[in-house]
């Protein structure tokens, strides 16, 4: 886990869950805020959407990566 995410999740109990999902090479894992914006995604998810660095995912929505109609189902 990068220092960027460690600082964000340091005091949250969810940190342990995130660490488990980071160890699973075939699992896409992400966390969104109440507005549907990504605040965390594991390396597998980041690579799947074509990005290279964890900080690039922060604040993005599904519409940033996936075309309609797949994004309209969750609006």
C-alpha atoms as a PDB file:
ATOM      1  CA  UNK A   1       0.000   0.000   0.000  1.00  0.00           C
ATOM      2  CA  UNK A   2       1.371   3.404  -0.907  1.00  0.00           C
ATOM      3  CA  UNK A   3       2.028   6.143   1.662  1.00  0.00           C
ATOM      4  CA  UNK A   4      -0.780   8.149   0.053  1.00  0.00           C
ATOM      5  CA  UNK A   5      -3.362   5.500   0.991  1.00  0.00           C
ATOM      6  CA  UNK A   6      -1.762   4.675   4.331  1.00  0.00           C
ATOM      7  CA  UNK A   7      -2.258   8.273   5.426  1.00  0.00           C
ATOM      8  CA  UNK A   8      -5.882   8.250   4.232  1.00  0.00           C
ATOM      9  CA  UNK A   9      -6.781   4.977   5.960  1.00  0.00           C
ATOM     10  CA  UNK A  10      -4.459   5.024   8.964  1.00  0.00           C
ATOM     11  CA  UNK A  11      -7.086   5.472  11.651  1.00  0.00           C
ATOM     12  CA  UNK A  12      -9.877   3.513  10.032  1.00  0.00           C
ATOM     13  CA  UNK A  13     -10.663  -0.088  11.001  1.00  0.00           C
ATOM     14  CA  UNK A  14     -11.301  -0.755   7.337  1.00  0.00           C
ATOM     15  CA  UNK A  15      -7.537  -0.583   6.766  1.00  0.00           C
ATOM     16  CA  UNK A  16      -7.213  -4.271   7.606  1.00  0.00           C
ATOM     17  CA  UNK A  17      -9.876  -5.218   5.088  1.00  0.00           C
ATOM     18  CA  UNK A  18      -8.166  -3.142   2.424  1.00  0.00           C
ATOM     19  CA  UNK A  19      -4.861  -4.884   3.117  1.00  0.00           C
ATOM     20  CA  UNK A  20      -6.503  -8.281   2.605  1.00  0.00           C
ATOM     21  CA  UNK A  21      -7.957  -7.255  -0.751  1.00  0.00           C
ATOM     22  CA  UNK A  22      -4.589  -5.851  -1.822  1.00  0.00           C
ATOM     23  CA  UNK A  23      -3.135  -9.346  -1.448  1.00  0.00           C
ATOM     24  CA  UNK A  24      -5.668 -10.938  -3.820  1.00  0.00           C
ATOM     25  CA  UNK A  25      -4.319 -10.700  -7.369  1.00  0.00           C
ATOM     26  CA  UNK A  26      -7.623 -11.490  -9.133  1.00  0.00           C
ATOM     27  CA  UNK A  27     -10.019  -9.356  -7.080  1.00  0.00           C
ATOM     28  CA  UNK A  28     -11.200  -5.879  -8.006  1.00  0.00           C
ATOM     29  CA  UNK A  29     -11.779  -3.840  -4.853  1.00  0.00           C
ATOM     30  CA  UNK A  30     -12.786  -0.211  -4.446  1.00  0.00           C
ATOM     31  CA  UNK A  31     -14.305   2.166  -1.933  1.00  0.00           C
ATOM     32  CA  UNK A  32     -16.550   5.079  -2.885  1.00  0.00           C
ATOM     33  CA  UNK A  33     -17.808   8.047  -0.910  1.00  0.00           C
ATOM     34  CA  UNK A  34     -21.520   8.798  -0.526  1.00  0.00           C
ATOM     35  CA  UNK A  35     -21.489  10.701  -3.830  1.00  0.00           C
ATOM     36  CA  UNK A  36     -20.196   7.710  -5.789  1.00  0.00           C
ATOM     37  CA  UNK A  37     -16.661   9.043  -6.149  1.00  0.00           C
ATOM     38  CA  UNK A  38     -13.777   6.650  -5.728  1.00  0.00           C
ATOM     39  CA  UNK A  39     -11.655   7.198  -2.654  1.00  0.00           C
ATOM     40  CA  UNK A  40      -9.685   3.959  -2.903  1.00  0.00           C
ATOM     41  CA  UNK A  41      -9.074   1.155  -5.372  1.00  0.00           C
ATOM     42  CA  UNK A  42      -6.674  -1.750  -5.239  1.00  0.00           C
ATOM     43  CA  UNK A  43      -3.883  -2.241  -7.754  1.00  0.00           C
ATOM     44  CA  UNK A  44      -5.913  -4.724  -9.813  1.00  0.00           C
ATOM     45  CA  UNK A  45      -8.762  -2.216 -10.254  1.00  0.00           C
ATOM     46  CA  UNK A  46      -6.372   0.621 -11.079  1.00  0.00           C
ATOM     47  CA  UNK A  47      -4.670  -1.456 -13.757  1.00  0.00           C
ATOM     48  CA  UNK A  48      -8.017  -2.712 -15.133  1.00  0.00           C
ATOM     49  CA  UNK A  49      -9.211   0.850 -15.794  1.00  0.00           C
ATOM     50  CA  UNK A  50      -5.932   1.729 -17.498  1.00  0.00           C
ATOM     51  CA  UNK A  51      -4.219   3.805 -14.826  1.00  0.00           C
ATOM     52  CA  UNK A  52      -0.753   3.416 -13.342  1.00  0.00           C
ATOM     53  CA  UNK A  53      -0.855   5.128  -9.959  1.00  0.00           C
ATOM     54  CA  UNK A  54      -3.288   4.921  -7.008  1.00  0.00           C
ATOM     55  CA  UNK A  55      -3.686   8.683  -6.675  1.00  0.00           C
ATOM     56  CA  UNK A  56      -5.100   8.868 -10.211  1.00  0.00           C
ATOM     57  CA  UNK A  57      -8.318   7.135  -9.116  1.00  0.00           C
ATOM     58  CA  UNK A  58      -9.215   9.549  -6.316  1.00  0.00           C
ATOM     59  CA  UNK A  59     -12.421  11.496  -6.958  1.00  0.00           C
ATOM     60  CA  UNK A  60     -13.314   9.716 -10.199  1.00  0.00           C
ATOM     61  CA  UNK A  61     -16.719   8.144 -10.880  1.00  0.00           C
ATOM     62  CA  UNK A  62     -17.723   5.108 -12.946  1.00  0.00           C
ATOM     63  CA  UNK A  63     -18.432   7.474 -15.833  1.00  0.00           C
ATOM     64  CA  UNK A  64     -14.729   8.315 -15.901  1.00  0.00           C
ATOM     65  CA  UNK A  65     -13.910   4.767 -16.999  1.00  0.00           C
ATOM     66  CA  UNK A  66     -16.993   2.980 -18.295  1.00  0.00           C
ATOM     67  CA  UNK A  67     -19.384   4.019 -21.077  1.00  0.00           C
ATOM     68  CA  UNK A  68     -23.166   4.116 -20.737  1.00  0.00           C
ATOM     69  CA  UNK A  69     -25.330   2.108 -20.273  1.00  0.00           C
ATOM     70  CA  UNK A  70     -23.139   0.333 -17.707  1.00  0.00           C
ATOM     71  CA  UNK A  71     -22.837   3.539 -15.660  1.00  0.00           C
ATOM     72  CA  UNK A  72     -26.500   4.521 -15.765  1.00  0.00           C
ATOM     73  CA  UNK A  73     -27.613   1.448 -13.812  1.00  0.00           C
ATOM     74  CA  UNK A  74     -26.027   2.823 -10.637  1.00  0.00           C
ATOM     75  CA  UNK A  75     -27.194   6.458 -10.896  1.00  0.00           C
END
